[in-house]
Amino acid sequence: MAILKVIEVLANSSKSWEEATQNAVEQASKTVKNIRSVYVQEQSATVKGGKVDDYRVNVKITFEVS
């Protein structure tokens, strides 16, 4: 039986929500092993000069605990 743990991570990108999600996974994988999935819980963006300036995501990352 596998034991899974979930952590919540906030990340951002100047390009897209997809890149922000990838940034969250890449940063988490530096210290967390056996990542199984990522769930995008919330998306938001900041606006500057009438254009989207920064894409932000709040994700839940699930990983297996050995």
PDB file of N, CA and C in Angstrom:
ATOM      1  N   MET A   1       0.842  -1.176   0.000  1.00  0.00           N
ATOM      2  CA  MET A   1       0.000   0.000   0.000  1.00  0.00           C
ATOM      3  C   MET A   1       0.889   1.241   0.000  1.00  0.00           C
ATOM      4  N   ALA A   2       0.621   2.139  -0.897  1.00  0.00           N
ATOM      5  CA  ALA A   2       1.398   3.378  -1.011  1.00  0.00           C
ATOM      6  C   ALA A   2       0.806   4.453  -0.092  1.00  0.00           C
ATOM      7  N   ILE A   3       1.678   5.212   0.511  1.00  0.00           N
ATOM      8  CA  ILE A   3       1.268   6.365   1.314  1.00  0.00           C
ATOM      9  C   ILE A   3       1.567   7.603   0.482  1.00  0.00           C
ATOM     10  N   LEU A   4       0.554   8.435   0.280  1.00  0.00           N
ATOM     11  CA  LEU A   4       0.719   9.640  -0.521  1.00  0.00           C
ATOM     12  C   LEU A   4       0.560  10.872   0.365  1.00  0.00           C
ATOM     13  N   LYS A   5       1.297  11.901   0.038  1.00  0.00           N
ATOM     14  CA  LYS A   5       1.240  13.166   0.768  1.00  0.00           C
ATOM     15  C   LYS A   5       0.968  14.278  -0.239  1.00  0.00           C
ATOM     16  N   VAL A   6       0.283  15.329   0.213  1.00  0.00           N
ATOM     17  CA  VAL A   6      -0.048  16.457  -0.661  1.00  0.00           C
ATOM     18  C   VAL A   6       0.515  17.737  -0.051  1.00  0.00           C
ATOM     19  N   ILE A   7       1.185  18.526  -0.895  1.00  0.00           N
ATOM     20  CA  ILE A   7       1.659  19.840  -0.472  1.00  0.00           C
ATOM     21  C   ILE A   7       1.044  20.893  -1.390  1.00  0.00           C
ATOM     22  N   GLU A   8       0.916  22.085  -0.882  1.00  0.00           N
ATOM     23  CA  GLU A   8       0.369  23.187  -1.669  1.00  0.00           C
ATOM     24  C   GLU A   8       1.516  24.125  -2.038  1.00  0.00           C
ATOM     25  N   VAL A   9       1.568  24.500  -3.312  1.00  0.00           N
ATOM     26  CA  VAL A   9       2.662  25.331  -3.819  1.00  0.00           C
ATOM     27  C   VAL A   9       2.081  26.478  -4.647  1.00  0.00           C
ATOM     28  N   LEU A  10       2.643  27.662  -4.477  1.00  0.00           N
ATOM     29  CA  LEU A  10       2.289  28.824  -5.283  1.00  0.00           C
ATOM     30  C   LEU A  10       3.444  29.103  -6.229  1.00  0.00           C
ATOM     31  N   ALA A  11       3.125  29.386  -7.490  1.00  0.00           N
ATOM     32  CA  ALA A  11       4.170  29.667  -8.475  1.00  0.00           C
ATOM     33  C   ALA A  11       3.666  30.691  -9.484  1.00  0.00           C
ATOM     34  N   ASN A  12       4.606  31.274 -10.221  1.00  0.00           N
ATOM     35  CA  ASN A  12       4.220  32.278 -11.218  1.00  0.00           C
ATOM     36  C   ASN A  12       5.079  32.165 -12.472  1.00  0.00           C
ATOM     37  N   SER A  13       4.625  32.869 -13.521  1.00  0.00           N
ATOM     38  CA  SER A  13       5.321  32.910 -14.801  1.00  0.00           C
ATOM     39  C   SER A  13       4.899  34.178 -15.528  1.00  0.00           C
ATOM     40  N   SER A  14       5.792  34.708 -16.318  1.00  0.00           N
ATOM     41  CA  SER A  14       5.451  35.877 -17.121  1.00  0.00           C
ATOM     42  C   SER A  14       4.840  35.471 -18.467  1.00  0.00           C
ATOM     43  N   LYS A  15       4.815  34.146 -18.759  1.00  0.00           N
ATOM     44  CA  LYS A  15       4.345  33.668 -20.065  1.00  0.00           C
ATOM     45  C   LYS A  15       2.959  33.032 -20.049  1.00  0.00           C
ATOM     46  N   SER A  16       2.706  32.092 -19.104  1.00  0.00           N
ATOM     47  CA  SER A  16       1.431  31.357 -19.134  1.00  0.00           C
ATOM     48  C   SER A  16       1.184  30.634 -17.810  1.00  0.00           C
ATOM     49  N   TRP A  17      -0.090  30.190 -17.638  1.00  0.00           N
ATOM     50  CA  TRP A  17      -0.415  29.378 -16.473  1.00  0.00           C
ATOM     51  C   TRP A  17       0.253  28.014 -16.584  1.00  0.00           C
ATOM     52  N   GLU A  18       0.387  27.499 -17.801  1.00  0.00           N
ATOM     53  CA  GLU A  18       1.054  26.215 -17.987  1.00  0.00           C
ATOM     54  C   GLU A  18       2.505  26.279 -17.524  1.00  0.00           C
ATOM     55  N   GLU A  19       3.190  27.354 -17.887  1.00  0.00           N
ATOM     56  CA  GLU A  19       4.585  27.508 -17.454  1.00  0.00           C
ATOM     57  C   GLU A  19       4.663  27.704 -15.946  1.00  0.00           C
ATOM     58  N   ALA A  20       3.718  28.415 -15.367  1.00  0.00           N
ATOM     59  CA  ALA A  20       3.693  28.596 -13.916  1.00  0.00           C
ATOM     60  C   ALA A  20       3.535  27.241 -13.220  1.00  0.00           C
ATOM     61  N   THR A  21       2.679  26.376 -13.774  1.00  0.00           N
ATOM     62  CA  THR A  21       2.492  25.036 -13.221  1.00  0.00           C
ATOM     63  C   THR A  21       3.778  24.232 -13.341  1.00  0.00           C
ATOM     64  N   GLN A  22       4.431  24.309 -14.494  1.00  0.00           N
ATOM     65  CA  GLN A  22       5.696  23.598 -14.691  1.00  0.00           C
ATOM     66  C   GLN A  22       6.753  24.113 -13.712  1.00  0.00           C
ATOM     67  N   ASN A  23       6.790  25.424 -13.488  1.00  0.00           N
ATOM     68  CA  ASN A  23       7.734  25.997 -12.525  1.00  0.00           C
ATOM     69  C   ASN A  23       7.502  25.447 -11.125  1.00  0.00           C
ATOM     70  N   ALA A  24       6.236  25.289 -10.735  1.00  0.00           N
ATOM     71  CA  ALA A  24       5.913  24.736  -9.416  1.00  0.00           C
ATOM     72  C   ALA A  24       6.433  23.315  -9.280  1.00  0.00           C
ATOM     73  N   VAL A  25       6.211  22.492 -10.311  1.00  0.00           N
ATOM     74  CA  VAL A  25       6.655  21.103 -10.275  1.00  0.00           C
ATOM     75  C   VAL A  25       8.182  21.026 -10.273  1.00  0.00           C
ATOM     76  N   GLU A  26       8.835  21.828 -11.099  1.00  0.00           N
ATOM     77  CA  GLU A  26      10.301  21.804 -11.164  1.00  0.00           C
ATOM     78  C   GLU A  26      10.924  22.211  -9.834  1.00  0.00           C
ATOM     79  N   GLN A  27      10.389  23.243  -9.201  1.00  0.00           N
ATOM     80  CA  GLN A  27      10.943  23.686  -7.927  1.00  0.00           C
ATOM     81  C   GLN A  27      10.689  22.653  -6.828  1.00  0.00           C
ATOM     82  N   ALA A  28       9.480  22.106  -6.792  1.00  0.00           N
ATOM     83  CA  ALA A  28       9.162  21.101  -5.775  1.00  0.00           C
ATOM     84  C   ALA A  28      10.022  19.856  -5.945  1.00  0.00           C
ATOM     85  N   SER A  29      10.294  19.468  -7.185  1.00  0.00           N
ATOM     86  CA  SER A  29      11.060  18.243  -7.434  1.00  0.00           C
ATOM     87  C   SER A  29      12.526  18.352  -7.008  1.00  0.00           C
ATOM     88  N   LYS A  30      12.978  19.546  -6.699  1.00  0.00           N
ATOM     89  CA  LYS A  30      14.351  19.712  -6.189  1.00  0.00           C
ATOM     90  C   LYS A  30      14.503  19.117  -4.791  1.00  0.00           C
ATOM     91  N   THR A  31      13.417  19.096  -4.023  1.00  0.00           N
ATOM     92  CA  THR A  31      13.477  18.556  -2.657  1.00  0.00           C
ATOM     93  C   THR A  31      12.486  17.431  -2.405  1.00  0.00           C
ATOM     94  N   VAL A  32      11.494  17.279  -3.267  1.00  0.00           N
ATOM     95  CA  VAL A  32      10.474  16.243  -3.094  1.00  0.00           C
ATOM     96  C   VAL A  32      10.649  15.198  -4.191  1.00  0.00           C
ATOM     97  N   LYS A  33      10.723  13.941  -3.787  1.00  0.00           N
ATOM     98  CA  LYS A  33      10.887  12.839  -4.751  1.00  0.00           C
ATOM     99  C   LYS A  33       9.558  12.121  -4.949  1.00  0.00           C
ATOM    100  N   ASN A  34       9.462  11.344  -6.002  1.00  0.00           N
ATOM    101  CA  ASN A  34       8.293  10.506  -6.296  1.00  0.00           C
ATOM    102  C   ASN A  34       7.007  11.306  -6.490  1.00  0.00           C
ATOM    103  N   ILE A  35       7.095  12.439  -7.183  1.00  0.00           N
ATOM    104  CA  ILE A  35       5.897  13.232  -7.474  1.00  0.00           C
ATOM    105  C   ILE A  35       5.023  12.439  -8.433  1.00  0.00           C
ATOM    106  N   ARG A  36       3.744  12.320  -8.067  1.00  0.00           N
ATOM    107  CA  ARG A  36       2.803  11.529  -8.858  1.00  0.00           C
ATOM    108  C   ARG A  36       1.875  12.393  -9.703  1.00  0.00           C
ATOM    109  N   SER A  37       1.427  13.531  -9.141  1.00  0.00           N
ATOM    110  CA  SER A  37       0.462  14.348  -9.874  1.00  0.00           C
ATOM    111  C   SER A  37       0.472  15.784  -9.364  1.00  0.00           C
ATOM    112  N   VAL A  38      -0.130  16.652 -10.179  1.00  0.00           N
ATOM    113  CA  VAL A  38      -0.292  18.049  -9.797  1.00  0.00           C
ATOM    114  C   VAL A  38      -1.730  18.449 -10.122  1.00  0.00           C
ATOM    115  N   TYR A  39      -2.366  19.128  -9.186  1.00  0.00           N
ATOM    116  CA  TYR A  39      -3.743  19.582  -9.353  1.00  0.00           C
ATOM    117  C   TYR A  39      -3.741  21.105  -9.279  1.00  0.00           C
ATOM    118  N   VAL A  40      -4.168  21.752 -10.355  1.00  0.00           N
ATOM    119  CA  VAL A  40      -4.227  23.212 -10.370  1.00  0.00           C
ATOM    120  C   VAL A  40      -5.511  23.620  -9.653  1.00  0.00           C
ATOM    121  N   GLN A  41      -5.333  24.177  -8.479  1.00  0.00           N
ATOM    122  CA  GLN A  41      -6.468  24.541  -7.638  1.00  0.00           C
ATOM    123  C   GLN A  41      -7.020  25.917  -8.004  1.00  0.00           C
ATOM    124  N   GLU A  42      -6.123  26.844  -8.325  1.00  0.00           N
ATOM    125  CA  GLU A  42      -6.545  28.214  -8.591  1.00  0.00           C
ATOM    126  C   GLU A  42      -5.588  28.880  -9.569  1.00  0.00           C
ATOM    127  N   GLN A  43      -6.143  29.734 -10.431  1.00  0.00           N
ATOM    128  CA  GLN A  43      -5.339  30.525 -11.359  1.00  0.00           C
ATOM    129  C   GLN A  43      -5.693  31.986 -11.153  1.00  0.00           C
ATOM    130  N   SER A  44      -4.678  32.844 -11.262  1.00  0.00           N
ATOM    131  CA  SER A  44      -4.917  34.290 -11.197  1.00  0.00           C
ATOM    132  C   SER A  44      -3.834  34.980 -12.018  1.00  0.00           C
ATOM    133  N   ALA A  45      -4.017  36.260 -12.225  1.00  0.00           N
ATOM    134  CA  ALA A  45      -3.034  37.024 -13.002  1.00  0.00           C
ATOM    135  C   ALA A  45      -3.008  38.460 -12.504  1.00  0.00           C
ATOM    136  N   THR A  46      -1.864  39.101 -12.679  1.00  0.00           N
ATOM    137  CA  THR A  46      -1.767  40.526 -12.392  1.00  0.00           C
ATOM    138  C   THR A  46      -1.767  41.264 -13.728  1.00  0.00           C
ATOM    139  N   VAL A  47      -2.257  42.481 -13.702  1.00  0.00           N
ATOM    140  CA  VAL A  47      -2.372  43.281 -14.920  1.00  0.00           C
ATOM    141  C   VAL A  47      -1.574  44.564 -14.745  1.00  0.00           C
ATOM    142  N   LYS A  48      -0.839  44.917 -15.796  1.00  0.00           N
ATOM    143  CA  LYS A  48      -0.034  46.136 -15.781  1.00  0.00           C
ATOM    144  C   LYS A  48      -0.169  46.789 -17.157  1.00  0.00           C
ATOM    145  N   GLY A  49      -0.543  48.037 -17.189  1.00  0.00           N
ATOM    146  CA  GLY A  49      -0.674  48.749 -18.458  1.00  0.00           C
ATOM    147  C   GLY A  49      -1.729  48.161 -19.377  1.00  0.00           C
ATOM    148  N   GLY A  50      -2.777  47.586 -18.795  1.00  0.00           N
ATOM    149  CA  GLY A  50      -3.839  47.015 -19.601  1.00  0.00           C
ATOM    150  C   GLY A  50      -3.539  45.643 -20.182  1.00  0.00           C
ATOM    151  N   LYS A  51      -2.422  45.022 -19.780  1.00  0.00           N
ATOM    152  CA  LYS A  51      -2.053  43.696 -20.272  1.00  0.00           C
ATOM    153  C   LYS A  51      -1.691  42.794 -19.096  1.00  0.00           C
ATOM    154  N   VAL A  52      -1.875  41.495 -19.308  1.00  0.00           N
ATOM    155  CA  VAL A  52      -1.501  40.537 -18.266  1.00  0.00           C
ATOM    156  C   VAL A  52       0.012  40.594 -18.078  1.00  0.00           C
ATOM    157  N   ASP A  53       0.403  40.784 -16.838  1.00  0.00           N
ATOM    158  CA  ASP A  53       1.811  40.958 -16.495  1.00  0.00           C
ATOM    159  C   ASP A  53       2.422  39.676 -15.927  1.00  0.00           C
ATOM    160  N   ASP A  54       1.636  38.936 -15.126  1.00  0.00           N
ATOM    161  CA  ASP A  54       2.171  37.779 -14.423  1.00  0.00           C
ATOM    162  C   ASP A  54       1.054  36.758 -14.210  1.00  0.00           C
ATOM    163  N   TYR A  55       1.306  35.513 -14.579  1.00  0.00           N
ATOM    164  CA  TYR A  55       0.352  34.425 -14.395  1.00  0.00           C
ATOM    165  C   TYR A  55       0.713  33.696 -13.100  1.00  0.00           C
ATOM    166  N   ARG A  56      -0.294  33.421 -12.277  1.00  0.00           N
ATOM    167  CA  ARG A  56      -0.048  32.775 -10.996  1.00  0.00           C
ATOM    168  C   ARG A  56      -0.933  31.549 -10.841  1.00  0.00           C
ATOM    169  N   VAL A  57      -0.375  30.513 -10.215  1.00  0.00           N
ATOM    170  CA  VAL A  57      -1.143  29.304  -9.932  1.00  0.00           C
ATOM    171  C   VAL A  57      -0.945  28.876  -8.484  1.00  0.00           C
ATOM    172  N   ASN A  58      -1.982  28.283  -7.945  1.00  0.00           N
ATOM    173  CA  ASN A  58      -1.942  27.636  -6.644  1.00  0.00           C
ATOM    174  C   ASN A  58      -2.194  26.169  -6.950  1.00  0.00           C
ATOM    175  N   VAL A  59      -1.199  25.317  -6.724  1.00  0.00           N
ATOM    176  CA  VAL A  59      -1.314  23.896  -7.082  1.00  0.00           C
ATOM    177  C   VAL A  59      -1.137  22.995  -5.870  1.00  0.00           C
ATOM    178  N   LYS A  60      -1.721  21.818  -5.984  1.00  0.00           N
ATOM    179  CA  LYS A  60      -1.493  20.773  -4.996  1.00  0.00           C
ATOM    180  C   LYS A  60      -0.686  19.690  -5.675  1.00  0.00           C
ATOM    181  N   ILE A  61       0.441  19.348  -5.069  1.00  0.00           N
ATOM    182  CA  ILE A  61       1.344  18.343  -5.622  1.00  0.00           C
ATOM    183  C   ILE A  61       1.274  17.109  -4.737  1.00  0.00           C
ATOM    184  N   THR A  62       1.004  15.959  -5.376  1.00  0.00           N
ATOM    185  CA  THR A  62       0.908  14.687  -4.646  1.00  0.00           C
ATOM    186  C   THR A  62       2.161  13.863  -4.921  1.00  0.00           C
ATOM    187  N   PHE A  63       2.718  13.301  -3.831  1.00  0.00           N
ATOM    188  CA  PHE A  63       3.899  12.462  -3.990  1.00  0.00           C
ATOM    189  C   PHE A  63       3.819  11.279  -3.043  1.00  0.00           C
ATOM    190  N   GLU A  64       4.548  10.226  -3.400  1.00  0.00           N
ATOM    191  CA  GLU A  64       4.566   9.003  -2.591  1.00  0.00           C
ATOM    192  C   GLU A  64       5.639   9.098  -1.508  1.00  0.00           C
ATOM    193  N   VAL A  65       5.248   8.733  -0.308  1.00  0.00           N
ATOM    194  CA  VAL A  65       6.188   8.708   0.807  1.00  0.00           C
ATOM    195  C   VAL A  65       6.717   7.298   0.931  1.00  0.00           C
ATOM    196  N   SER A  66       8.049   7.135   0.954  1.00  0.00           N
ATOM    197  CA  SER A  66       8.613   5.786   1.042  1.00  0.00           C
ATOM    198  C   SER A  66       8.693   5.314   2.474  1.00  0.00           C
TER     199      SER A  66
END
